[in-house]
């Protein structure tokens, strides 16, 4: 099998890069990582060299190019069905995909107002309309799924669904958005996962600062 290569942006800021990266690392999928930093306000012109959209992340597998975080995760799950990127139960897998699509398409108020920033000191900010409604919906998703699965992750073991929500854990943390014990418990479980720890350590060591992503 051809080697997988995942092209990503800055680990400190790139929430969409984080999602397939943590899914693949947590599942033990082998791949090569190529990080191309956001050197310009709207990304980096070099992204066009390897990405059909001019954005990251992008997965290369031989002559195949896959872009968009969830599409990358789905592709890798098909290549490595034995590693359990999605829950094995059909109904749970359907729910996991549903909430992953909800994350992909929704929560724009939260994502726009509170960009991911691993290095940011924890501090509250003035919040735009709709942010706390997004927070409440996400907390409900987490609470209901963990109550059913028993945790520590959304479907028991870490899965693609947790990967899709991993940047939200950072947002909830650094902008001090949540206080509920069960939410904080889930966040602690995600932040203690070895894949999260590895990403965080690399993000904190990065030299780049992107002004537009600093709130």
Protein backbone atom coordinates (compact mmCIF):
# COMPACT_ATOMS: atom_id res chain seq x y z
CA UNK A 1 0.00 0.00 0.00
CA UNK A 2 1.23 3.52 -0.82
CA UNK A 3 2.19 5.60 2.18
CA UNK A 4 -0.33 8.19 3.41
CA UNK A 5 0.80 11.81 3.60
CA UNK A 6 -1.26 14.35 5.55
CA UNK A 7 -0.69 18.03 4.78
CA UNK A 8 -1.65 20.31 7.65
CA UNK A 9 -1.35 23.93 8.81
CA UNK A 10 -0.14 25.38 12.09
CA UNK A 11 -0.88 23.08 14.99
CA UNK A 12 -1.59 26.04 17.23
CA UNK A 13 -4.47 27.32 15.08
CA UNK A 14 -5.57 24.80 12.45
CA UNK A 15 -8.66 23.15 13.89
CA UNK A 16 -9.52 21.40 10.63
CA UNK A 17 -6.01 19.94 10.40
CA UNK A 18 -6.28 18.76 13.99
CA UNK A 19 -9.37 16.63 13.34
CA UNK A 20 -7.99 14.03 10.89
CA UNK A 21 -4.56 14.15 12.53
CA UNK A 22 -5.82 13.20 15.98
CA UNK A 23 -8.19 10.59 14.53
CA UNK A 24 -5.34 8.90 12.66
CA UNK A 25 -2.80 9.12 15.48
CA UNK A 26 -5.29 7.88 18.09
CA UNK A 27 -6.15 4.91 15.85
CA UNK A 28 -2.48 4.07 15.22
CA UNK A 29 -2.70 4.68 11.46
CA UNK A 30 0.77 5.22 9.93
CA UNK A 31 1.25 8.37 7.88
CA UNK A 32 3.75 11.07 7.00
CA UNK A 33 3.01 14.60 8.17
CA UNK A 34 3.85 17.73 6.17
CA UNK A 35 3.20 21.01 7.98
CA UNK A 36 3.00 24.15 5.84
CA UNK A 37 2.40 27.20 8.07
CA UNK A 38 -0.10 29.99 7.54
CA UNK A 39 2.41 32.62 6.46
CA UNK A 40 -0.25 34.95 5.07
CA UNK A 41 -3.54 36.30 6.40
CA UNK A 42 -5.65 34.08 4.15
CA UNK A 43 -3.48 30.97 4.35
CA UNK A 44 -0.44 30.28 2.22
CA UNK A 45 -0.11 30.32 -1.61
CA UNK A 46 1.98 27.14 -1.31
CA UNK A 47 -1.16 25.23 -0.36
CA UNK A 48 -2.09 25.27 -4.05
CA UNK A 49 0.91 23.04 -4.76
CA UNK A 50 -0.72 20.08 -3.02
CA UNK A 51 -4.35 21.08 -2.35
CA UNK A 52 -7.06 21.42 -5.02
CA UNK A 53 -8.87 23.98 -2.82
CA UNK A 54 -5.82 25.89 -1.65
CA UNK A 55 -6.67 24.89 1.91
CA UNK A 56 -5.56 22.33 4.48
CA UNK A 57 -5.83 19.56 5.49
CA UNK A 58 -5.26 17.36 2.45
CA UNK A 59 -4.43 13.66 2.39
CA UNK A 60 -2.30 12.20 -0.43
CA UNK A 61 -2.43 8.46 -1.07
CA UNK A 62 -0.60 7.55 -4.24
CA UNK A 63 -2.30 9.58 -6.97
CA UNK A 64 -5.42 10.15 -4.85
CA UNK A 65 -6.07 13.50 -3.16
CA UNK A 66 -8.65 13.80 -0.39
CA UNK A 67 -9.58 17.14 1.16
CA UNK A 68 -11.95 18.18 3.94
CA UNK A 69 -11.41 16.75 7.42
CA UNK A 70 -14.38 14.41 7.58
CA UNK A 71 -13.75 13.04 4.07
CA UNK A 72 -10.16 12.26 5.09
CA UNK A 73 -11.34 10.46 8.21
CA UNK A 74 -13.86 8.42 6.19
CA UNK A 75 -11.23 7.47 3.62
CA UNK A 76 -8.78 6.32 6.27
CA UNK A 77 -11.53 4.39 8.07
CA UNK A 78 -12.17 2.47 4.83
CA UNK A 79 -8.47 1.77 4.35
CA UNK A 80 -8.03 0.54 7.92
CA UNK A 81 -11.36 -0.95 9.05
CA UNK A 82 -9.62 -2.98 11.74
CA UNK A 83 -8.51 0.05 13.79
CA UNK A 84 -12.02 1.18 14.78
CA UNK A 85 -11.98 4.83 13.76
CA UNK A 86 -15.80 4.72 13.91
CA UNK A 87 -17.85 2.75 16.47
CA UNK A 88 -18.34 -0.86 15.41
CA UNK A 89 -22.09 -0.88 16.11
CA UNK A 90 -24.10 0.29 13.10
CA UNK A 91 -26.54 2.49 15.03
CA UNK A 92 -23.77 4.08 17.09
CA UNK A 93 -21.74 4.62 13.95
CA UNK A 94 -24.70 6.40 12.34
CA UNK A 95 -25.08 8.68 15.36
CA UNK A 96 -21.33 9.34 15.39
CA UNK A 97 -21.50 10.39 11.75
CA UNK A 98 -24.56 12.55 12.42
CA UNK A 99 -22.89 14.57 15.15
CA UNK A 100 -19.70 14.79 13.08
CA UNK A 101 -21.70 16.28 10.21
CA UNK A 102 -23.38 18.64 12.66
CA UNK A 103 -19.91 19.77 13.75
CA UNK A 104 -18.84 20.15 10.13
CA UNK A 105 -21.84 22.23 9.09
CA UNK A 106 -22.86 24.00 12.28
CA UNK A 107 -21.76 25.93 15.36
CA UNK A 108 -20.60 28.86 13.25
CA UNK A 109 -21.11 31.42 16.00
CA UNK A 110 -18.74 29.53 18.29
CA UNK A 111 -16.19 28.83 15.56
CA UNK A 112 -16.15 32.44 14.31
CA UNK A 113 -15.96 34.10 17.73
CA UNK A 114 -13.58 31.66 19.41
CA UNK A 115 -10.87 30.33 17.09
CA UNK A 116 -8.74 27.43 18.28
CA UNK A 117 -5.51 28.61 19.86
CA UNK A 118 -3.56 26.04 21.87
CA UNK A 119 -1.15 28.62 23.33
CA UNK A 120 -3.74 31.17 24.41
CA UNK A 121 -3.92 31.82 28.18
CA UNK A 122 -7.34 31.03 29.60
CA UNK A 123 -9.52 34.14 29.70
CA UNK A 124 -13.10 35.11 28.97
CA UNK A 125 -14.05 37.35 26.05
CA UNK A 126 -17.17 39.27 25.06
CA UNK A 127 -19.29 36.77 23.17
CA UNK A 128 -21.27 37.31 19.99
CA UNK A 129 -24.92 36.32 19.75
CA UNK A 130 -25.41 32.61 19.30
CA UNK A 131 -22.18 31.44 20.90
CA UNK A 132 -23.72 30.17 24.11
CA UNK A 133 -26.54 28.48 22.21
CA UNK A 134 -23.85 26.55 20.30
CA UNK A 135 -22.12 25.73 23.58
CA UNK A 136 -25.35 24.43 25.10
CA UNK A 137 -26.07 22.19 22.10
CA UNK A 138 -22.58 20.73 22.17
CA UNK A 139 -22.78 20.09 25.91
CA UNK A 140 -26.08 18.27 25.37
CA UNK A 141 -24.51 16.06 22.68
CA UNK A 142 -21.58 15.20 24.92
CA UNK A 143 -23.73 14.62 28.00
CA UNK A 144 -26.28 12.39 26.30
CA UNK A 145 -23.73 10.23 24.47
CA UNK A 146 -21.46 9.73 27.48
CA UNK A 147 -24.44 8.91 29.69
CA UNK A 148 -25.35 6.18 27.22
CA UNK A 149 -21.82 4.87 26.57
CA UNK A 150 -20.41 5.23 30.08
CA UNK A 151 -17.49 7.29 28.72
CA UNK A 152 -14.83 8.38 29.03
CA UNK A 153 -15.31 9.38 25.37
CA UNK A 154 -18.49 9.91 23.40
CA UNK A 155 -18.88 6.26 22.39
CA UNK A 156 -16.74 4.71 25.10
CA UNK A 157 -13.43 4.42 23.25
CA UNK A 158 -11.95 7.37 21.38
CA UNK A 159 -13.42 7.60 17.88
CA UNK A 160 -13.74 9.90 14.89
CA UNK A 161 -16.59 11.68 16.67
CA UNK A 162 -14.23 12.73 19.45
CA UNK A 163 -11.72 13.83 16.82
CA UNK A 164 -14.31 16.05 15.16
CA UNK A 165 -15.03 17.78 18.48
CA UNK A 166 -11.42 17.95 19.71
CA UNK A 167 -10.90 21.62 18.71
CA UNK A 168 -14.08 22.51 20.62
CA UNK A 169 -12.44 21.16 23.78
CA UNK A 170 -9.71 23.77 23.31
CA UNK A 171 -12.26 26.51 22.64
CA UNK A 172 -14.31 25.69 25.72
CA UNK A 173 -11.14 25.68 27.78
CA UNK A 174 -9.26 28.79 26.68
CA UNK A 175 -12.32 31.06 26.50
CA UNK A 176 -13.65 29.69 29.82
CA UNK A 177 -17.06 28.86 28.36
CA UNK A 178 -18.24 25.95 30.52
CA UNK A 179 -18.54 24.97 34.17
CA UNK A 180 -20.62 21.75 34.21
CA UNK A 181 -18.82 18.85 35.83
CA UNK A 182 -19.65 16.31 33.14
CA UNK A 183 -18.44 18.66 30.40
CA UNK A 184 -15.18 19.29 32.23
CA UNK A 185 -14.76 15.55 32.79
CA UNK A 186 -15.05 14.86 29.07
CA UNK A 187 -12.64 17.68 28.26
CA UNK A 188 -10.12 16.29 30.73
CA UNK A 189 -10.36 12.85 29.12
CA UNK A 190 -9.70 14.27 25.64
CA UNK A 191 -6.85 16.49 26.83
CA UNK A 192 -5.14 13.56 28.53
CA UNK A 193 -5.23 11.35 25.41
CA UNK A 194 -1.66 10.78 24.16
CA UNK A 195 -2.57 12.04 20.68
CA UNK A 196 -3.88 15.32 22.12
CA UNK A 197 -0.77 15.68 24.29
CA UNK A 198 1.53 15.18 21.30
CA UNK A 199 -0.33 17.79 19.22
CA UNK A 200 -0.37 20.27 22.10
CA UNK A 201 3.36 19.93 22.74
CA UNK A 202 4.12 20.56 19.09
CA UNK A 203 1.72 23.52 18.95
CA UNK A 204 3.32 25.18 21.95
CA UNK A 205 6.75 24.84 20.34
CA UNK A 206 5.73 26.57 17.09
CA UNK A 207 7.28 30.00 16.43
CA UNK A 208 4.51 31.42 14.22
CA UNK A 209 1.90 33.94 15.35
CA UNK A 210 -1.11 34.59 13.11
CA UNK A 211 -2.61 37.91 14.19
CA UNK A 212 -6.09 37.25 12.75
CA UNK A 213 -6.44 34.13 14.90
CA UNK A 214 -5.42 35.87 18.11
CA UNK A 215 -8.49 37.05 20.05
